PDB file of all heavy atoms in Angstrom:
ATOM      1  N   GLY A   1     -11.600  -0.071  14.413  1.00  0.00           N
ATOM      2  CA  GLY A   1     -13.081  -0.108  14.583  1.00  0.00           C
ATOM      3  C   GLY A   1     -13.720  -1.027  13.529  1.00  0.00           C
ATOM      4  O   GLY A   1     -13.140  -1.265  12.473  1.00  0.00           O
ATOM      5  N   LEU A   2     -14.853  -1.559  13.943  1.00  0.00           N
ATOM      6  CA  LEU A   2     -15.585  -2.435  13.003  1.00  0.00           C
ATOM      7  C   LEU A   2     -17.090  -2.055  13.007  1.00  0.00           C
ATOM      8  O   LEU A   2     -17.764  -2.321  14.005  1.00  0.00           O
ATOM      9  CB  LEU A   2     -15.392  -3.890  13.342  1.00  0.00           C
ATOM     10  CG  LEU A   2     -15.900  -4.961  12.404  1.00  0.00           C
ATOM     11  CD1 LEU A   2     -17.383  -5.204  12.496  1.00  0.00           C
ATOM     12  CD2 LEU A   2     -15.581  -4.600  10.957  1.00  0.00           C
ATOM     13  N   HIS A   3     -17.536  -1.380  11.980  1.00  0.00           N
ATOM     14  CA  HIS A   3     -18.938  -1.120  11.803  1.00  0.00           C
ATOM     15  C   HIS A   3     -19.389  -1.950  10.573  1.00  0.00           C
ATOM     16  O   HIS A   3     -19.262  -1.479   9.432  1.00  0.00           O
ATOM     17  CB  HIS A   3     -19.162   0.392  11.568  1.00  0.00           C
ATOM     18  CG  HIS A   3     -20.624   0.715  11.254  1.00  0.00           C
ATOM     19  ND1 HIS A   3     -20.971   1.926  10.648  1.00  0.00           N
ATOM     20  CD2 HIS A   3     -21.753   0.052  11.417  1.00  0.00           C
ATOM     21  CE1 HIS A   3     -22.276   1.921  10.486  1.00  0.00           C
ATOM     22  NE2 HIS A   3     -22.759   0.803  10.972  1.00  0.00           N
ATOM     23  N   TRP A   4     -19.883  -3.151  10.845  1.00  0.00           N
ATOM     24  CA  TRP A   4     -20.178  -4.023   9.678  1.00  0.00           C
ATOM     25  C   TRP A   4     -21.219  -3.489   8.747  1.00  0.00           C
ATOM     26  O   TRP A   4     -21.067  -3.660   7.509  1.00  0.00           O
ATOM     27  CB  TRP A   4     -20.674  -5.424  10.270  1.00  0.00           C
ATOM     28  CG  TRP A   4     -21.207  -6.311   9.164  1.00  0.00           C
ATOM     29  CD1 TRP A   4     -20.441  -6.942   8.224  1.00  0.00           C
ATOM     30  CD2 TRP A   4     -22.516  -6.487   8.834  1.00  0.00           C
ATOM     31  NE1 TRP A   4     -21.279  -7.589   7.311  1.00  0.00           N
ATOM     32  CE2 TRP A   4     -22.575  -7.293   7.657  1.00  0.00           C
ATOM     33  CE3 TRP A   4     -23.771  -6.092   9.362  1.00  0.00           C
ATOM     34  CZ2 TRP A   4     -23.762  -7.734   7.066  1.00  0.00           C
ATOM     35  CZ3 TRP A   4     -24.955  -6.482   8.738  1.00  0.00           C
ATOM     36  CH2 TRP A   4     -24.956  -7.325   7.642  1.00  0.00           C
ATOM     37  N   GLY A   5     -22.195  -2.798   9.261  1.00  0.00           N
ATOM     38  CA  GLY A   5     -23.280  -2.319   8.386  1.00  0.00           C
ATOM     39  C   GLY A   5     -22.743  -1.419   7.251  1.00  0.00           C
ATOM     40  O   GLY A   5     -23.359  -1.356   6.203  1.00  0.00           O
ATOM     41  N   LEU A   6     -21.603  -0.785   7.455  1.00  0.00           N
ATOM     42  CA  LEU A   6     -21.061   0.069   6.456  1.00  0.00           C
ATOM     43  C   LEU A   6     -20.605  -0.667   5.200  1.00  0.00           C
ATOM     44  O   LEU A   6     -20.635  -0.111   4.127  1.00  0.00           O
ATOM     45  CB  LEU A   6     -19.853   0.865   7.022  1.00  0.00           C
ATOM     46  CG  LEU A   6     -19.453   2.150   6.384  1.00  0.00           C
ATOM     47  CD1 LEU A   6     -20.638   3.116   6.364  1.00  0.00           C
ATOM     48  CD2 LEU A   6     -18.303   2.793   7.129  1.00  0.00           C
ATOM     49  N   TYR A   7     -20.282  -1.946   5.382  1.00  0.00           N
ATOM     50  CA  TYR A   7     -19.879  -2.749   4.211  1.00  0.00           C
ATOM     51  C   TYR A   7     -21.059  -2.953   3.259  1.00  0.00           C
ATOM     52  O   TYR A   7     -20.868  -3.195   2.060  1.00  0.00           O
ATOM     53  CB  TYR A   7     -19.307  -4.087   4.654  1.00  0.00           C
ATOM     54  CG  TYR A   7     -17.911  -3.994   5.233  1.00  0.00           C
ATOM     55  CD1 TYR A   7     -17.730  -3.893   6.580  1.00  0.00           C
ATOM     56  CD2 TYR A   7     -16.800  -3.972   4.392  1.00  0.00           C
ATOM     57  CE1 TYR A   7     -16.453  -3.806   7.123  1.00  0.00           C
ATOM     58  CE2 TYR A   7     -15.520  -3.900   4.930  1.00  0.00           C
ATOM     59  CZ  TYR A   7     -15.330  -3.790   6.285  1.00  0.00           C
ATOM     60  OH  TYR A   7     -14.093  -3.677   6.825  1.00  0.00           O
ATOM     61  N   ASN A   8     -22.285  -2.945   3.797  1.00  0.00           N
ATOM     62  CA  ASN A   8     -23.430  -3.069   2.877  1.00  0.00           C
ATOM     63  C   ASN A   8     -23.529  -2.017   1.848  1.00  0.00           C
ATOM     64  O   ASN A   8     -24.041  -2.240   0.777  1.00  0.00           O
ATOM     65  CB  ASN A   8     -24.732  -3.100   3.755  1.00  0.00           C
ATOM     66  CG  ASN A   8     -24.931  -4.421   4.474  1.00  0.00           C
ATOM     67  OD1 ASN A   8     -24.943  -5.477   3.856  1.00  0.00           O
ATOM     68  ND2 ASN A   8     -25.025  -4.407   5.774  1.00  0.00           N
ATOM     69  N   THR A   9     -23.056  -0.793   2.175  1.00  0.00           N
ATOM     70  CA  THR A   9     -23.093   0.306   1.229  1.00  0.00           C
ATOM     71  C   THR A   9     -21.765   0.525   0.505  1.00  0.00           C
ATOM     72  O   THR A   9     -21.725   0.865  -0.649  1.00  0.00           O
ATOM     73  CB  THR A   9     -23.524   1.577   1.908  1.00  0.00           C
ATOM     74  OG1 THR A   9     -22.704   1.835   3.043  1.00  0.00           O
ATOM     75  CG2 THR A   9     -24.957   1.471   2.409  1.00  0.00           C
ATOM     76  N   MET A  10     -20.659   0.288   1.240  1.00  0.00           N
ATOM     77  CA  MET A  10     -19.359   0.554   0.714  1.00  0.00           C
ATOM     78  C   MET A  10     -18.747  -0.577  -0.123  1.00  0.00           C
ATOM     79  O   MET A  10     -17.982  -0.417  -1.047  1.00  0.00           O
ATOM     80  CB  MET A  10     -18.383   0.936   1.830  1.00  0.00           C
ATOM     81  CG  MET A  10     -18.793   2.138   2.640  1.00  0.00           C
ATOM     82  SD  MET A  10     -18.937   3.656   1.632  1.00  0.00           S
ATOM     83  CE  MET A  10     -17.222   3.985   1.269  1.00  0.00           C
ATOM     84  N   ASP A  11     -19.117  -1.841   0.290  1.00  0.00           N
ATOM     85  CA  ASP A  11     -18.525  -2.984  -0.417  1.00  0.00           C
ATOM     86  C   ASP A  11     -19.465  -4.195  -0.297  1.00  0.00           C
ATOM     87  O   ASP A  11     -19.154  -5.187   0.340  1.00  0.00           O
ATOM     88  CB  ASP A  11     -17.184  -3.340   0.200  1.00  0.00           C
ATOM     89  CG  ASP A  11     -16.350  -4.307  -0.623  1.00  0.00           C
ATOM     90  OD1 ASP A  11     -16.876  -4.791  -1.643  1.00  0.00           O
ATOM     91  OD2 ASP A  11     -15.195  -4.571  -0.226  1.00  0.00           O
ATOM     92  N   PRO A  12     -20.649  -4.095  -0.932  1.00  0.00           N
ATOM     93  CA  PRO A  12     -21.630  -5.223  -0.800  1.00  0.00           C
ATOM     94  C   PRO A  12     -21.132  -6.530  -1.355  1.00  0.00           C
ATOM     95  O   PRO A  12     -21.530  -7.591  -0.867  1.00  0.00           O
ATOM     96  CB  PRO A  12     -22.840  -4.689  -1.587  1.00  0.00           C
ATOM     97  CG  PRO A  12     -22.282  -3.590  -2.498  1.00  0.00           C
ATOM     98  CD  PRO A  12     -21.182  -3.009  -1.744  1.00  0.00           C
ATOM     99  N   ALA A  13     -20.219  -6.506  -2.309  1.00  0.00           N
ATOM    100  CA  ALA A  13     -19.677  -7.742  -2.855  1.00  0.00           C
ATOM    101  C   ALA A  13     -18.899  -8.507  -1.747  1.00  0.00           C
ATOM    102  O   ALA A  13     -18.900  -9.740  -1.721  1.00  0.00           O
ATOM    103  CB  ALA A  13     -18.724  -7.466  -4.033  1.00  0.00           C
ATOM    104  N   ALA A  14     -18.244  -7.778  -0.831  1.00  0.00           N
ATOM    105  CA  ALA A  14     -17.558  -8.420   0.249  1.00  0.00           C
ATOM    106  C   ALA A  14     -18.512  -9.093   1.229  1.00  0.00           C
ATOM    107  O   ALA A  14     -18.163 -10.161   1.804  1.00  0.00           O
ATOM    108  CB  ALA A  14     -16.698  -7.390   1.011  1.00  0.00           C
ATOM    109  N   VAL A  15     -19.681  -8.531   1.410  1.00  0.00           N
ATOM    110  CA  VAL A  15     -20.702  -9.120   2.282  1.00  0.00           C
ATOM    111  C   VAL A  15     -21.147 -10.460   1.694  1.00  0.00           C
ATOM    112  O   VAL A  15     -21.336 -11.477   2.383  1.00  0.00           O
ATOM    113  CB  VAL A  15     -21.880  -8.173   2.479  1.00  0.00           C
ATOM    114  CG1 VAL A  15     -23.007  -8.868   3.263  1.00  0.00           C
ATOM    115  CG2 VAL A  15     -21.467  -6.913   3.236  1.00  0.00           C
ATOM    116  N   LEU A  16     -21.390 -10.508   0.401  1.00  0.00           N
ATOM    117  CA  LEU A  16     -21.779 -11.730  -0.275  1.00  0.00           C
ATOM    118  C   LEU A  16     -20.701 -12.778  -0.207  1.00  0.00           C
ATOM    119  O   LEU A  16     -20.989 -13.947   0.131  1.00  0.00           O
ATOM    120  CB  LEU A  16     -22.132 -11.406  -1.748  1.00  0.00           C
ATOM    121  CG  LEU A  16     -22.554 -12.659  -2.579  1.00  0.00           C
ATOM    122  CD1 LEU A  16     -23.760 -13.329  -1.972  1.00  0.00           C
ATOM    123  CD2 LEU A  16     -22.850 -12.199  -4.029  1.00  0.00           C
ATOM    124  N   ALA A  17     -19.436 -12.373  -0.417  1.00  0.00           N
ATOM    125  CA  ALA A  17     -18.341 -13.313  -0.346  1.00  0.00           C
ATOM    126  C   ALA A  17     -18.175 -13.893   1.053  1.00  0.00           C
ATOM    127  O   ALA A  17     -17.923 -15.068   1.256  1.00  0.00           O
ATOM    128  CB  ALA A  17     -17.040 -12.644  -0.783  1.00  0.00           C
ATOM    129  N   CYS A  18     -18.386 -13.003   2.061  1.00  0.00           N
ATOM    130  CA  CYS A  18     -18.373 -13.461   3.469  1.00  0.00           C
ATOM    131  C   CYS A  18     -19.461 -14.481   3.757  1.00  0.00           C
ATOM    132  O   CYS A  18     -19.230 -15.492   4.370  1.00  0.00           O
ATOM    133  CB  CYS A  18     -18.486 -12.307   4.397  1.00  0.00           C
ATOM    134  SG  CYS A  18     -18.487 -12.713   6.122  1.00  0.00           S
ATOM    135  N   HIS A  19     -20.668 -14.220   3.225  1.00  0.00           N
ATOM    136  CA  HIS A  19     -21.770 -15.158   3.423  1.00  0.00           C
ATOM    137  C   HIS A  19     -21.469 -16.530   2.844  1.00  0.00           C
ATOM    138  O   HIS A  19     -21.732 -17.546   3.434  1.00  0.00           O
ATOM    139  CB  HIS A  19     -23.064 -14.620   2.839  1.00  0.00           C
ATOM    140  CG  HIS A  19     -24.234 -15.533   2.985  1.00  0.00           C
ATOM    141  ND1 HIS A  19     -24.775 -15.813   4.223  1.00  0.00           N
ATOM    142  CD2 HIS A  19     -24.943 -16.265   2.121  1.00  0.00           C
ATOM    143  CE1 HIS A  19     -25.776 -16.668   4.066  1.00  0.00           C
ATOM    144  NE2 HIS A  19     -25.895 -16.957   2.808  1.00  0.00           N
ATOM    145  N   GLU A  20     -20.844 -16.495   1.707  1.00  0.00           N
ATOM    146  CA  GLU A  20     -20.472 -17.769   1.071  1.00  0.00           C
ATOM    147  C   GLU A  20     -19.447 -18.537   1.873  1.00  0.00           C
ATOM    148  O   GLU A  20     -19.527 -19.740   2.022  1.00  0.00           O
ATOM    149  CB  GLU A  20     -19.908 -17.554  -0.338  1.00  0.00           C
ATOM    150  CG  GLU A  20     -20.965 -16.999  -1.336  1.00  0.00           C
ATOM    151  CD  GLU A  20     -20.376 -16.568  -2.650  1.00  0.00           C
ATOM    152  OE1 GLU A  20     -19.125 -16.517  -2.776  1.00  0.00           O
ATOM    153  OE2 GLU A  20     -21.181 -16.254  -3.582  1.00  0.00           O
ATOM    154  N   GLU A  21     -18.521 -17.826   2.511  1.00  0.00           N
ATOM    155  CA  GLU A  21     -17.534 -18.444   3.370  1.00  0.00           C
ATOM    156  C   GLU A  21     -18.217 -18.959   4.697  1.00  0.00           C
ATOM    157  O   GLU A  21     -17.916 -20.093   5.100  1.00  0.00           O
ATOM    158  CB  GLU A  21     -16.445 -17.417   3.730  1.00  0.00           C
ATOM    159  CG  GLU A  21     -15.381 -17.941   4.708  1.00  0.00           C
ATOM    160  CD  GLU A  21     -14.549 -19.070   4.184  1.00  0.00           C
ATOM    161  OE1 GLU A  21     -14.509 -19.322   2.933  1.00  0.00           O
ATOM    162  OE2 GLU A  21     -13.912 -19.786   5.044  1.00  0.00           O
ATOM    163  N   LEU A  22     -19.095 -18.176   5.237  1.00  0.00           N
ATOM    164  CA  LEU A  22     -19.823 -18.647   6.409  1.00  0.00           C
ATOM    165  C   LEU A  22     -20.706 -19.860   6.148  1.00  0.00           C
ATOM    166  O   LEU A  22     -20.788 -20.752   6.963  1.00  0.00           O
ATOM    167  CB  LEU A  22     -20.676 -17.472   6.982  1.00  0.00           C
ATOM    168  CG  LEU A  22     -19.956 -16.246   7.511  1.00  0.00           C
ATOM    169  CD1 LEU A  22     -20.944 -15.192   7.908  1.00  0.00           C
ATOM    170  CD2 LEU A  22     -19.038 -16.624   8.688  1.00  0.00           C
ATOM    171  N   THR A  23     -21.313 -19.877   4.974  1.00  0.00           N
ATOM    172  CA  THR A  23     -22.131 -21.029   4.606  1.00  0.00           C
ATOM    173  C   THR A  23     -21.306 -22.259   4.505  1.00  0.00           C
ATOM    174  O   THR A  23     -21.701 -23.384   4.935  1.00  0.00           O
ATOM    175  CB  THR A  23     -22.856 -20.779   3.267  1.00  0.00           C
ATOM    176  OG1 THR A  23     -23.708 -19.582   3.405  1.00  0.00           O
ATOM    177  CG2 THR A  23     -23.698 -21.927   2.797  1.00  0.00           C
ATOM    178  N   LYS A  24     -20.101 -22.121   3.928  1.00  0.00           N
ATOM    179  CA  LYS A  24     -19.176 -23.237   3.812  1.00  0.00           C
ATOM    180  C   LYS A  24     -18.738 -23.737   5.191  1.00  0.00           C
ATOM    181  O   LYS A  24     -18.740 -24.940   5.467  1.00  0.00           O
ATOM    182  CB  LYS A  24     -17.963 -22.833   3.016  1.00  0.00           C
ATOM    183  CG  LYS A  24     -16.873 -23.874   2.863  1.00  0.00           C
ATOM    184  CD  LYS A  24     -15.665 -23.351   2.108  1.00  0.00           C
ATOM    185  CE  LYS A  24     -14.491 -24.335   2.134  1.00  0.00           C
ATOM    186  NZ  LYS A  24     -13.302 -23.762   1.443  1.00  0.00           N
ATOM    187  N   LEU A  25     -18.360 -22.797   6.076  1.00  0.00           N
ATOM    188  CA  LEU A  25     -17.966 -23.141   7.423  1.00  0.00           C
ATOM    189  C   LEU A  25     -19.075 -23.815   8.191  1.00  0.00           C
ATOM    190  O   LEU A  25     -18.846 -24.788   8.990  1.00  0.00           O
ATOM    191  CB  LEU A  25     -17.470 -21.924   8.162  1.00  0.00           C
ATOM    192  CG  LEU A  25     -16.134 -21.322   7.692  1.00  0.00           C
ATOM    193  CD1 LEU A  25     -15.890 -20.001   8.400  1.00  0.00           C
ATOM    194  CD2 LEU A  25     -14.993 -22.279   7.979  1.00  0.00           C
ATOM    195  N   ALA A  26     -20.302 -23.366   8.002  1.00  0.00           N
ATOM    196  CA  ALA A  26     -21.468 -24.001   8.667  1.00  0.00           C
ATOM    197  C   ALA A  26     -21.674 -25.422   8.149  1.00  0.00           C
ATOM    198  O   ALA A  26     -22.000 -26.355   8.942  1.00  0.00           O
ATOM    199  CB  ALA A  26     -22.753 -23.180   8.446  1.00  0.00           C
ATOM    200  N   ALA A  27     -21.543 -25.613   6.860  1.00  0.00           N
ATOM    201  CA  ALA A  27     -21.712 -26.945   6.232  1.00  0.00           C
ATOM    202  C   ALA A  27     -20.652 -27.945   6.766  1.00  0.00           C
ATOM    203  O   ALA A  27     -20.904 -29.138   6.950  1.00  0.00           O
ATOM    204  CB  ALA A  27     -21.657 -26.859   4.746  1.00  0.00           C
ATOM    205  N   GLU A  28     -19.450 -27.377   7.085  1.00  0.00           N
ATOM    206  CA  GLU A  28     -18.360 -28.229   7.572  1.00  0.00           C
ATOM    207  C   GLU A  28     -18.456 -28.453   9.077  1.00  0.00           C
ATOM    208  O   GLU A  28     -17.717 -29.281   9.624  1.00  0.00           O
ATOM    209  CB  GLU A  28     -17.021 -27.539   7.288  1.00  0.00           C
ATOM    210  CG  GLU A  28     -16.687 -27.438   5.766  1.00  0.00           C
ATOM    211  CD  GLU A  28     -15.499 -26.567   5.528  1.00  0.00           C
ATOM    212  OE1 GLU A  28     -15.030 -25.884   6.487  1.00  0.00           O
ATOM    213  OE2 GLU A  28     -14.972 -26.553   4.376  1.00  0.00           O
TER     214      GLU A  28
END
């Protein structure tokens, strides 16, 4: 299962790291 919203409370650092990766992929 994947409930993404749960990462905001359980592992917010992972959300930030993911955003940095997505930003990089978008720039490329």
